[in-house]
Amino acid sequence: MSLIQNLSPEFRQRCEAIATEQRSLLRVRSFEPLAVDTLAAKLGATLFTPDQLPNLEPEQVTLLLASNEWSGAIISDRTHSITTQCW
């Protein structure tokens, strides 16, 4: 079962509303490509590729770079540890 199928209809509708709002603020229509660096700059996010993360094992970097099975990660620094979540 894919990730999207595990999400409630309400959550998916909320995500769609947020995406529509962000596209509107960036003046990008729904059918136009949205450059990830444009959205990241607007949100104040920093983009990294797996090979730019110093704490990943080489095997993890290789796996992530070779795979199309994930679309992003949230990495947060919580005082002394780094938490990573990929989807």
PDB file of N, CA and C in Angstrom:
ATOM      1  N   MET A   1       0.843  -1.176   0.000  1.00  0.00           N
ATOM      2  CA  MET A   1       0.000   0.000   0.000  1.00  0.00           C
ATOM      3  C   MET A   1       0.892   1.244   0.000  1.00  0.00           C
ATOM      4  N   SER A   2       0.612   2.191  -0.856  1.00  0.00           N
ATOM      5  CA  SER A   2       1.436   3.393  -0.941  1.00  0.00           C
ATOM      6  C   SER A   2       1.127   4.340   0.213  1.00  0.00           C
ATOM      7  N   LEU A   3       2.040   5.250   0.443  1.00  0.00           N
ATOM      8  CA  LEU A   3       1.886   6.220   1.526  1.00  0.00           C
ATOM      9  C   LEU A   3       0.599   7.019   1.381  1.00  0.00           C
ATOM     10  N   ILE A   4       0.286   7.456   0.185  1.00  0.00           N
ATOM     11  CA  ILE A   4      -0.895   8.284  -0.031  1.00  0.00           C
ATOM     12  C   ILE A   4      -2.173   7.553   0.359  1.00  0.00           C
ATOM     13  N   GLN A   5      -2.204   6.250   0.190  1.00  0.00           N
ATOM     14  CA  GLN A   5      -3.391   5.482   0.538  1.00  0.00           C
ATOM     15  C   GLN A   5      -3.559   5.361   2.049  1.00  0.00           C
ATOM     16  N   ASN A   6      -2.492   5.563   2.794  1.00  0.00           N
ATOM     17  CA  ASN A   6      -2.565   5.494   4.251  1.00  0.00           C
ATOM     18  C   ASN A   6      -3.030   6.804   4.878  1.00  0.00           C
ATOM     19  N   LEU A   7      -3.109   7.863   4.101  1.00  0.00           N
ATOM     20  CA  LEU A   7      -3.500   9.169   4.622  1.00  0.00           C
ATOM     21  C   LEU A   7      -5.007   9.356   4.519  1.00  0.00           C
ATOM     22  N   SER A   8      -5.580  10.008   5.505  1.00  0.00           N
ATOM     23  CA  SER A   8      -7.028  10.222   5.503  1.00  0.00           C
ATOM     24  C   SER A   8      -7.403  11.223   4.406  1.00  0.00           C
ATOM     25  N   PRO A   9      -8.629  11.144   3.901  1.00  0.00           N
ATOM     26  CA  PRO A   9      -9.083  12.117   2.895  1.00  0.00           C
ATOM     27  C   PRO A   9      -8.993  13.560   3.407  1.00  0.00           C
ATOM     28  N   GLU A  10      -9.275  13.761   4.679  1.00  0.00           N
ATOM     29  CA  GLU A  10      -9.204  15.103   5.249  1.00  0.00           C
ATOM     30  C   GLU A  10      -7.783  15.649   5.213  1.00  0.00           C
ATOM     31  N   PHE A  11      -6.818  14.789   5.553  1.00  0.00           N
ATOM     32  CA  PHE A  11      -5.423  15.212   5.538  1.00  0.00           C
ATOM     33  C   PHE A  11      -4.977  15.531   4.115  1.00  0.00           C
ATOM     34  N   ARG A  12      -5.358  14.690   3.171  1.00  0.00           N
ATOM     35  CA  ARG A  12      -4.995  14.930   1.769  1.00  0.00           C
ATOM     36  C   ARG A  12      -5.615  16.223   1.265  1.00  0.00           C
ATOM     37  N   GLN A  13      -6.856  16.516   1.647  1.00  0.00           N
ATOM     38  CA  GLN A  13      -7.508  17.764   1.241  1.00  0.00           C
ATOM     39  C   GLN A  13      -6.786  18.967   1.834  1.00  0.00           C
ATOM     40  N   ARG A  14      -6.363  18.851   3.083  1.00  0.00           N
ATOM     41  CA  ARG A  14      -5.631  19.946   3.723  1.00  0.00           C
ATOM     42  C   ARG A  14      -4.299  20.177   3.015  1.00  0.00           C
ATOM     43  N   CYS A  15      -3.599  19.111   2.690  1.00  0.00           N
ATOM     44  CA  CYS A  15      -2.329  19.236   1.960  1.00  0.00           C
ATOM     45  C   CYS A  15      -2.542  19.905   0.610  1.00  0.00           C
ATOM     46  N   GLU A  16      -3.606  19.521  -0.079  1.00  0.00           N
ATOM     47  CA  GLU A  16      -3.917  20.123  -1.383  1.00  0.00           C
ATOM     48  C   GLU A  16      -4.206  21.612  -1.229  1.00  0.00           C
ATOM     49  N   ALA A  17      -4.918  21.985  -0.168  1.00  0.00           N
ATOM     50  CA  ALA A  17      -5.222  23.405   0.074  1.00  0.00           C
ATOM     51  C   ALA A  17      -3.940  24.205   0.337  1.00  0.00           C
ATOM     52  N   ILE A  18      -3.029  23.619   1.116  1.00  0.00           N
ATOM     53  CA  ILE A  18      -1.750  24.290   1.391  1.00  0.00           C
ATOM     54  C   ILE A  18      -0.945  24.432   0.107  1.00  0.00           C
ATOM     55  N   ALA A  19      -0.899  23.369  -0.697  1.00  0.00           N
ATOM     56  CA  ALA A  19      -0.156  23.412  -1.962  1.00  0.00           C
ATOM     57  C   ALA A  19      -0.737  24.473  -2.891  1.00  0.00           C
ATOM     58  N   THR A  20      -2.052  24.544  -2.953  1.00  0.00           N
ATOM     59  CA  THR A  20      -2.714  25.548  -3.804  1.00  0.00           C
ATOM     60  C   THR A  20      -2.378  26.952  -3.324  1.00  0.00           C
ATOM     61  N   GLU A  21      -2.401  27.158  -2.014  1.00  0.00           N
ATOM     62  CA  GLU A  21      -2.076  28.469  -1.451  1.00  0.00           C
ATOM     63  C   GLU A  21      -0.632  28.863  -1.758  1.00  0.00           C
ATOM     64  N   GLN A  22       0.299  27.940  -1.571  1.00  0.00           N
ATOM     65  CA  GLN A  22       1.708  28.235  -1.824  1.00  0.00           C
ATOM     66  C   GLN A  22       1.951  28.530  -3.305  1.00  0.00           C
ATOM     67  N   ARG A  23       1.330  27.774  -4.180  1.00  0.00           N
ATOM     68  CA  ARG A  23       1.457  28.027  -5.621  1.00  0.00           C
ATOM     69  C   ARG A  23       0.920  29.409  -5.971  1.00  0.00           C
ATOM     70  N   SER A  24      -0.202  29.772  -5.358  1.00  0.00           N
ATOM     71  CA  SER A  24      -0.788  31.087  -5.607  1.00  0.00           C
ATOM     72  C   SER A  24       0.160  32.199  -5.156  1.00  0.00           C
ATOM     73  N   LEU A  25       0.734  32.046  -3.974  1.00  0.00           N
ATOM     74  CA  LEU A  25       1.671  33.054  -3.466  1.00  0.00           C
ATOM     75  C   LEU A  25       2.898  33.189  -4.356  1.00  0.00           C
ATOM     76  N   LEU A  26       3.305  32.087  -4.980  1.00  0.00           N
ATOM     77  CA  LEU A  26       4.465  32.105  -5.880  1.00  0.00           C
ATOM     78  C   LEU A  26       4.076  32.410  -7.328  1.00  0.00           C
ATOM     79  N   ARG A  27       2.786  32.599  -7.552  1.00  0.00           N
ATOM     80  CA  ARG A  27       2.237  32.877  -8.890  1.00  0.00           C
ATOM     81  C   ARG A  27       2.560  31.758  -9.887  1.00  0.00           C
ATOM     82  N   VAL A  28       2.390  30.526  -9.420  1.00  0.00           N
ATOM     83  CA  VAL A  28       2.599  29.339 -10.251  1.00  0.00           C
ATOM     84  C   VAL A  28       1.259  28.629 -10.364  1.00  0.00           C
ATOM     85  N   ARG A  29       0.801  28.421 -11.595  1.00  0.00           N
ATOM     86  CA  ARG A  29      -0.486  27.753 -11.795  1.00  0.00           C
ATOM     87  C   ARG A  29      -0.364  26.252 -11.507  1.00  0.00           C
ATOM     88  N   SER A  30      -1.498  25.637 -11.242  1.00  0.00           N
ATOM     89  CA  SER A  30      -1.518  24.241 -10.787  1.00  0.00           C
ATOM     90  C   SER A  30      -0.898  23.264 -11.780  1.00  0.00           C
ATOM     91  N   PHE A  31      -0.924  23.587 -13.047  1.00  0.00           N
ATOM     92  CA  PHE A  31      -0.386  22.663 -14.058  1.00  0.00           C
ATOM     93  C   PHE A  31       1.054  22.988 -14.440  1.00  0.00           C
ATOM     94  N   GLU A  32       1.617  24.065 -13.877  1.00  0.00           N
ATOM     95  CA  GLU A  32       2.993  24.444 -14.176  1.00  0.00           C
ATOM     96  C   GLU A  32       3.963  23.768 -13.202  1.00  0.00           C
ATOM     97  N   PRO A  33       5.152  23.456 -13.665  1.00  0.00           N
ATOM     98  CA  PRO A  33       6.146  22.884 -12.760  1.00  0.00           C
ATOM     99  C   PRO A  33       6.496  23.879 -11.650  1.00  0.00           C
ATOM    100  N   LEU A  34       6.691  23.372 -10.470  1.00  0.00           N
ATOM    101  CA  LEU A  34       7.093  24.204  -9.335  1.00  0.00           C
ATOM    102  C   LEU A  34       8.526  23.834  -8.971  1.00  0.00           C
ATOM    103  N   ALA A  35       9.428  24.760  -9.187  1.00  0.00           N
ATOM    104  CA  ALA A  35      10.844  24.506  -8.904  1.00  0.00           C
ATOM    105  C   ALA A  35      11.035  24.356  -7.402  1.00  0.00           C
ATOM    106  N   VAL A  36      11.632  23.249  -6.995  1.00  0.00           N
ATOM    107  CA  VAL A  36      11.803  22.953  -5.576  1.00  0.00           C
ATOM    108  C   VAL A  36      12.647  24.024  -4.887  1.00  0.00           C
ATOM    109  N   ASP A  37      13.645  24.565  -5.571  1.00  0.00           N
ATOM    110  CA  ASP A  37      14.476  25.592  -4.946  1.00  0.00           C
ATOM    111  C   ASP A  37      13.710  26.883  -4.715  1.00  0.00           C
ATOM    112  N   THR A  38      12.733  27.191  -5.568  1.00  0.00           N
ATOM    113  CA  THR A  38      11.884  28.371  -5.387  1.00  0.00           C
ATOM    114  C   THR A  38      11.025  28.218  -4.136  1.00  0.00           C
ATOM    115  N   LEU A  39      10.388  27.061  -3.994  1.00  0.00           N
ATOM    116  CA  LEU A  39       9.555  26.806  -2.822  1.00  0.00           C
ATOM    117  C   LEU A  39      10.406  26.771  -1.555  1.00  0.00           C
ATOM    118  N   ALA A  40      11.555  26.135  -1.609  1.00  0.00           N
ATOM    119  CA  ALA A  40      12.429  26.057  -0.436  1.00  0.00           C
ATOM    120  C   ALA A  40      12.863  27.445   0.015  1.00  0.00           C
ATOM    121  N   ALA A  41      13.212  28.310  -0.933  1.00  0.00           N
ATOM    122  CA  ALA A  41      13.625  29.672  -0.588  1.00  0.00           C
ATOM    123  C   ALA A  41      12.482  30.422   0.094  1.00  0.00           C
ATOM    124  N   LYS A  42      11.267  30.265  -0.422  1.00  0.00           N
ATOM    125  CA  LYS A  42      10.122  30.939   0.168  1.00  0.00           C
ATOM    126  C   LYS A  42       9.856  30.446   1.580  1.00  0.00           C
ATOM    127  N   LEU A  43      10.052  29.156   1.817  1.00  0.00           N
ATOM    128  CA  LEU A  43       9.792  28.566   3.133  1.00  0.00           C
ATOM    129  C   LEU A  43      10.991  28.655   4.079  1.00  0.00           C
ATOM    130  N   GLY A  44      12.123  29.146   3.571  1.00  0.00           N
ATOM    131  CA  GLY A  44      13.318  29.242   4.401  1.00  0.00           C
ATOM    132  C   GLY A  44      13.950  27.891   4.686  1.00  0.00           C
ATOM    133  N   ALA A  45      13.755  26.944   3.778  1.00  0.00           N
ATOM    134  CA  ALA A  45      14.298  25.594   3.948  1.00  0.00           C
ATOM    135  C   ALA A  45      15.636  25.473   3.220  1.00  0.00           C
ATOM    136  N   THR A  46      16.479  24.609   3.713  1.00  0.00           N
ATOM    137  CA  THR A  46      17.750  24.312   3.069  1.00  0.00           C
ATOM    138  C   THR A  46      17.651  22.939   2.434  1.00  0.00           C
ATOM    139  N   LEU A  47      18.057  22.840   1.186  1.00  0.00           N
ATOM    140  CA  LEU A  47      18.007  21.569   0.460  1.00  0.00           C
ATOM    141  C   LEU A  47      19.383  20.922   0.446  1.00  0.00           C
ATOM    142  N   PHE A  48      19.389  19.622   0.696  1.00  0.00           N
ATOM    143  CA  PHE A  48      20.615  18.832   0.649  1.00  0.00           C
ATOM    144  C   PHE A  48      20.359  17.577  -0.155  1.00  0.00           C
ATOM    145  N   THR A  49      21.388  17.065  -0.781  1.00  0.00           N
ATOM    146  CA  THR A  49      21.324  15.740  -1.377  1.00  0.00           C
ATOM    147  C   THR A  49      21.925  14.767  -0.355  1.00  0.00           C
ATOM    148  N   PRO A  50      21.623  13.475  -0.467  1.00  0.00           N
ATOM    149  CA  PRO A  50      22.138  12.532   0.527  1.00  0.00           C
ATOM    150  C   PRO A  50      23.652  12.579   0.713  1.00  0.00           C
ATOM    151  N   ASP A  51      24.387  12.829  -0.355  1.00  0.00           N
ATOM    152  CA  ASP A  51      25.842  12.846  -0.230  1.00  0.00           C
ATOM    153  C   ASP A  51      26.369  14.100   0.472  1.00  0.00           C
ATOM    154  N   GLN A  52      25.494  15.046   0.790  1.00  0.00           N
ATOM    155  CA  GLN A  52      25.906  16.246   1.513  1.00  0.00           C
ATOM    156  C   GLN A  52      25.676  16.125   3.018  1.00  0.00           C
ATOM    157  N   LEU A  53      25.119  15.011   3.475  1.00  0.00           N
ATOM    158  CA  LEU A  53      24.841  14.823   4.898  1.00  0.00           C
ATOM    159  C   LEU A  53      26.001  14.079   5.549  1.00  0.00           C
ATOM    160  N   PRO A  54      26.707  14.714   6.459  1.00  0.00           N
ATOM    161  CA  PRO A  54      27.945  14.136   6.982  1.00  0.00           C
ATOM    162  C   PRO A  54      27.761  12.893   7.847  1.00  0.00           C
ATOM    163  N   ASN A  55      26.614  12.702   8.447  1.00  0.00           N
ATOM    164  CA  ASN A  55      26.449  11.578   9.381  1.00  0.00           C
ATOM    165  C   ASN A  55      25.870  10.318   8.746  1.00  0.00           C
ATOM    166  N   LEU A  56      25.590  10.342   7.460  1.00  0.00           N
ATOM    167  CA  LEU A  56      25.073   9.140   6.809  1.00  0.00           C
ATOM    168  C   LEU A  56      26.215   8.180   6.491  1.00  0.00           C
ATOM    169  N   GLU A  57      25.939   6.905   6.693  1.00  0.00           N
ATOM    170  CA  GLU A  57      26.908   5.884   6.320  1.00  0.00           C
ATOM    171  C   GLU A  57      27.007   5.831   4.795  1.00  0.00           C
ATOM    172  N   PRO A  58      28.166   5.494   4.241  1.00  0.00           N
ATOM    173  CA  PRO A  58      28.312   5.415   2.788  1.00  0.00           C
ATOM    174  C   PRO A  58      27.273   4.508   2.125  1.00  0.00           C
ATOM    175  N   GLU A  59      26.910   3.414   2.796  1.00  0.00           N
ATOM    176  CA  GLU A  59      25.909   2.499   2.236  1.00  0.00           C
ATOM    177  C   GLU A  59      24.538   3.187   2.123  1.00  0.00           C
ATOM    178  N   GLN A  60      24.206   4.023   3.126  1.00  0.00           N
ATOM    179  CA  GLN A  60      22.942   4.749   3.099  1.00  0.00           C
ATOM    180  C   GLN A  60      22.923   5.765   1.961  1.00  0.00           C
ATOM    181  N   VAL A  61      24.032   6.466   1.780  1.00  0.00           N
ATOM    182  CA  VAL A  61      24.136   7.442   0.692  1.00  0.00           C
ATOM    183  C   VAL A  61      23.942   6.746  -0.648  1.00  0.00           C
ATOM    184  N   THR A  62      24.634   5.631  -0.844  1.00  0.00           N
ATOM    185  CA  THR A  62      24.532   4.877  -2.090  1.00  0.00           C
ATOM    186  C   THR A  62      23.102   4.425  -2.331  1.00  0.00           C
ATOM    187  N   LEU A  63      22.467   3.892  -1.302  1.00  0.00           N
ATOM    188  CA  LEU A  63      21.085   3.421  -1.419  1.00  0.00           C
ATOM    189  C   LEU A  63      20.129   4.554  -1.787  1.00  0.00           C
ATOM    190  N   LEU A  64      20.243   5.680  -1.102  1.00  0.00           N
ATOM    191  CA  LEU A  64      19.344   6.808  -1.372  1.00  0.00           C
ATOM    192  C   LEU A  64      19.570   7.408  -2.761  1.00  0.00           C
ATOM    193  N   LEU A  65      20.817   7.537  -3.167  1.00  0.00           N
ATOM    194  CA  LEU A  65      21.107   8.103  -4.487  1.00  0.00           C
ATOM    195  C   LEU A  65      20.662   7.190  -5.619  1.00  0.00           C
ATOM    196  N   ALA A  66      20.625   5.886  -5.374  1.00  0.00           N
ATOM    197  CA  ALA A  66      20.250   4.927  -6.411  1.00  0.00           C
ATOM    198  C   ALA A  66      18.752   4.642  -6.447  1.00  0.00           C
ATOM    199  N   SER A  67      18.009   5.172  -5.490  1.00  0.00           N
ATOM    200  CA  SER A  67      16.603   4.810  -5.347  1.00  0.00           C
ATOM    201  C   SER A  67      15.663   5.936  -5.743  1.00  0.00           C
ATOM    202  N   ASN A  68      14.542   5.559  -6.333  1.00  0.00           N
ATOM    203  CA  ASN A  68      13.457   6.502  -6.592  1.00  0.00           C
ATOM    204  C   ASN A  68      12.298   6.237  -5.645  1.00  0.00           C
ATOM    205  N   GLU A  69      12.549   5.483  -4.585  1.00  0.00           N
ATOM    206  CA  GLU A  69      11.505   5.062  -3.656  1.00  0.00           C
ATOM    207  C   GLU A  69      11.260   6.062  -2.529  1.00  0.00           C
ATOM    208  N   TRP A  70      11.930   7.177  -2.526  1.00  0.00           N
ATOM    209  CA  TRP A  70      11.708   8.188  -1.503  1.00  0.00           C
ATOM    210  C   TRP A  70      11.641   9.546  -2.174  1.00  0.00           C
ATOM    211  N   SER A  71      10.990  10.505  -1.523  1.00  0.00           N
ATOM    212  CA  SER A  71      10.833  11.810  -2.149  1.00  0.00           C
ATOM    213  C   SER A  71      11.364  12.943  -1.289  1.00  0.00           C
ATOM    214  N   GLY A  72      11.744  12.664  -0.065  1.00  0.00           N
ATOM    215  CA  GLY A  72      12.266  13.741   0.756  1.00  0.00           C
ATOM    216  C   GLY A  72      12.575  13.262   2.155  1.00  0.00           C
ATOM    217  N   ALA A  73      13.121  14.155   2.923  1.00  0.00           N
ATOM    218  CA  ALA A  73      13.435  13.836   4.307  1.00  0.00           C
ATOM    219  C   ALA A  73      13.290  15.086   5.146  1.00  0.00           C
ATOM    220  N   ILE A  74      12.919  14.874   6.377  1.00  0.00           N
ATOM    221  CA  ILE A  74      12.894  15.954   7.349  1.00  0.00           C
ATOM    222  C   ILE A  74      14.015  15.643   8.329  1.00  0.00           C
ATOM    223  N   ILE A  75      14.925  16.572   8.466  1.00  0.00           N
ATOM    224  CA  ILE A  75      16.050  16.371   9.370  1.00  0.00           C
ATOM    225  C   ILE A  75      16.015  17.507  10.377  1.00  0.00           C
ATOM    226  N   SER A  76      15.905  17.155  11.627  1.00  0.00           N
ATOM    227  CA  SER A  76      15.851  18.180  12.663  1.00  0.00           C
ATOM    228  C   SER A  76      16.936  17.926  13.693  1.00  0.00           C
ATOM    229  N   ASP A  77      17.592  18.961  14.105  1.00  0.00           N
ATOM    230  CA  ASP A  77      18.636  18.867  15.105  1.00  0.00           C
ATOM    231  C   ASP A  77      17.994  19.145  16.468  1.00  0.00           C
ATOM    232  N   ARG A  78      17.861  18.121  17.284  1.00  0.00           N
ATOM    233  CA  ARG A  78      17.253  18.246  18.613  1.00  0.00           C
ATOM    234  C   ARG A  78      18.367  18.225  19.656  1.00  0.00           C
ATOM    235  N   THR A  79      18.920  19.335  19.979  1.00  0.00           N
ATOM    236  CA  THR A  79      20.028  19.540  20.908  1.00  0.00           C
ATOM    237  C   THR A  79      21.254  18.708  20.569  1.00  0.00           C
ATOM    238  N   HIS A  80      21.226  17.392  20.828  1.00  0.00           N
ATOM    239  CA  HIS A  80      22.437  16.595  20.619  1.00  0.00           C
ATOM    240  C   HIS A  80      22.281  15.493  19.585  1.00  0.00           C
ATOM    241  N   SER A  81      21.086  15.239  19.145  1.00  0.00           N
ATOM    242  CA  SER A  81      20.914  14.137  18.181  1.00  0.00           C
ATOM    243  C   SER A  81      20.218  14.652  16.941  1.00  0.00           C
ATOM    244  N   ILE A  82      20.426  13.960  15.846  1.00  0.00           N
ATOM    245  CA  ILE A  82      19.774  14.305  14.595  1.00  0.00           C
ATOM    246  C   ILE A  82      18.770  13.228  14.271  1.00  0.00           C
ATOM    247  N   THR A  83      17.540  13.644  14.015  1.00  0.00           N
ATOM    248  CA  THR A  83      16.466  12.720  13.668  1.00  0.00           C
ATOM    249  C   THR A  83      16.188  12.851  12.183  1.00  0.00           C
ATOM    250  N   THR A  84      16.112  11.731  11.484  1.00  0.00           N
ATOM    251  CA  THR A  84      15.861  11.746  10.056  1.00  0.00           C
ATOM    252  C   THR A  84      14.627  10.911   9.751  1.00  0.00           C
ATOM    253  N   GLN A  85      13.775  11.452   8.886  1.00  0.00           N
ATOM    254  CA  GLN A  85      12.586  10.709   8.437  1.00  0.00           C
ATOM    255  C   GLN A  85      12.506  10.846   6.928  1.00  0.00           C
ATOM    256  N   CYS A  86      12.491   9.731   6.234  1.00  0.00           N
ATOM    257  CA  CYS A  86      12.373   9.736   4.772  1.00  0.00           C
ATOM    258  C   CYS A  86      11.045   9.151   4.367  1.00  0.00           C
ATOM    259  N   TRP A  87      10.539   9.613   3.244  1.00  0.00           N
ATOM    260  CA  TRP A  87       9.311   9.037   2.685  1.00  0.00           C
ATOM    261  C   TRP A  87       9.379   9.034   1.191  1.00  0.00           C
TER     262      TRP A  87
END
